[in-house]
Amino acid sequence: MAGQSVPGGLRFAVLGPVRAWRDGRELDLGTPLQRSILGMLLLREGHAVTPNEMIDAVWGEEAPPRALGALRTYVSRLRTVLEPDRP
């Protein structure tokens, strides 16, 4: 799945560090945890992922008490970067 493109000029790489480009310009995907959430979502393309599945994948048994809030923040930040024209 490395280098997979999607409509809107986005391209993703998941082999090695998770990276993304829009129209040839690399995007700042944030922290390693935020990148890991994006990587997991990319690998599950076309399949729903529950918040609990994401929390388990990112933190495992070491999930902080406010993992759900942190997850929502990371997803919101990713949406801002990946969908800058979204209202």
Protein backbone atom coordinates (compact mmCIF):
# COMPACT_ATOMS: atom_id res chain seq x y z
CA MET A 1 0.00 0.00 0.00
CA ALA A 2 3.01 2.31 -0.01
CA GLY A 3 2.46 5.29 -2.22
CA GLN A 4 -1.28 4.74 -2.66
CA SER A 5 -3.11 7.72 -4.15
CA VAL A 6 -6.66 8.83 -3.53
CA PRO A 7 -8.82 11.49 -5.19
CA GLY A 8 -7.93 15.09 -4.41
CA GLY A 9 -4.21 14.72 -5.06
CA LEU A 10 -3.45 12.81 -1.83
CA ARG A 11 -0.79 10.10 -1.73
CA PHE A 12 0.11 7.96 1.27
CA ALA A 13 3.09 5.79 2.25
CA VAL A 14 2.84 3.25 5.06
CA LEU A 15 6.08 1.31 4.62
CA GLY A 16 8.49 2.96 7.03
CA PRO A 17 7.20 6.19 8.57
CA VAL A 18 3.57 6.97 7.72
CA ARG A 19 3.69 9.90 5.29
CA ALA A 20 1.25 11.81 3.11
CA TRP A 21 1.51 14.26 0.24
CA ARG A 22 -1.02 16.58 -1.38
CA ASP A 23 -0.21 17.59 -4.95
CA GLY A 24 3.44 16.64 -4.42
CA ARG A 25 3.87 18.56 -1.11
CA GLU A 26 4.49 16.50 2.02
CA LEU A 27 1.97 17.08 4.81
CA ASP A 28 2.77 17.43 8.50
CA LEU A 29 0.90 14.49 10.04
CA GLY A 30 1.80 15.36 13.60
CA THR A 31 2.98 13.12 16.40
CA PRO A 32 3.97 9.47 16.08
CA LEU A 33 0.70 8.45 17.79
CA GLN A 34 -1.28 10.51 15.31
CA ARG A 35 0.63 8.93 12.43
CA SER A 36 -0.03 5.46 13.82
CA ILE A 37 -3.77 6.16 13.87
CA LEU A 38 -3.64 7.23 10.23
CA GLY A 39 -1.58 4.16 9.32
CA MET A 40 -4.09 1.86 10.98
CA LEU A 41 -6.98 3.54 9.17
CA LEU A 42 -5.19 3.30 5.83
CA LEU A 43 -4.51 -0.39 6.34
CA ARG A 44 -8.20 -0.98 7.16
CA GLU A 45 -9.33 0.86 4.01
CA GLY A 46 -12.99 0.24 3.28
CA HIS A 47 -13.71 -1.23 6.72
CA ALA A 48 -15.23 0.47 9.73
CA VAL A 49 -12.93 0.82 12.74
CA THR A 50 -14.41 1.37 16.17
CA PRO A 51 -12.84 3.75 18.68
CA ASN A 52 -12.06 0.78 20.94
CA GLU A 53 -10.22 -0.98 18.10
CA MET A 54 -8.17 2.17 17.49
CA ILE A 55 -7.38 2.57 21.18
CA ASP A 56 -6.30 -1.08 21.42
CA ALA A 57 -4.15 -0.76 18.30
CA VAL A 58 -2.43 2.44 19.42
CA TRP A 59 -2.09 2.01 23.18
CA GLY A 60 -2.90 -1.64 23.89
CA GLU A 61 -3.22 -2.41 27.57
CA GLU A 62 -1.36 0.81 28.42
CA ALA A 63 -4.21 3.07 27.27
CA PRO A 64 -4.42 6.26 29.31
CA PRO A 65 -7.68 7.01 31.17
CA ARG A 66 -8.54 9.71 28.61
CA ALA A 67 -7.63 7.69 25.52
CA LEU A 68 -10.97 8.31 23.82
CA GLY A 69 -10.57 12.08 24.14
CA ALA A 70 -7.00 11.90 22.85
CA LEU A 71 -8.12 9.72 19.94
CA ARG A 72 -10.82 12.23 19.00
CA THR A 73 -8.24 15.04 19.09
CA TYR A 74 -5.81 13.12 16.87
CA VAL A 75 -8.53 12.26 14.35
CA SER A 76 -9.70 15.88 14.29
CA ARG A 77 -6.14 17.09 13.64
CA LEU A 78 -5.70 14.53 10.86
CA ARG A 79 -8.94 15.66 9.22
CA THR A 80 -7.73 19.27 9.34
CA VAL A 81 -4.49 18.31 7.57
CA LEU A 82 -5.99 15.85 5.08
CA GLU A 83 -9.21 17.75 4.33
CA PRO A 84 -8.29 21.45 4.61
CA ASP A 85 -11.39 22.58 2.68
CA ARG A 86 -13.81 20.67 4.89
CA PRO A 87 -16.25 23.01 6.64
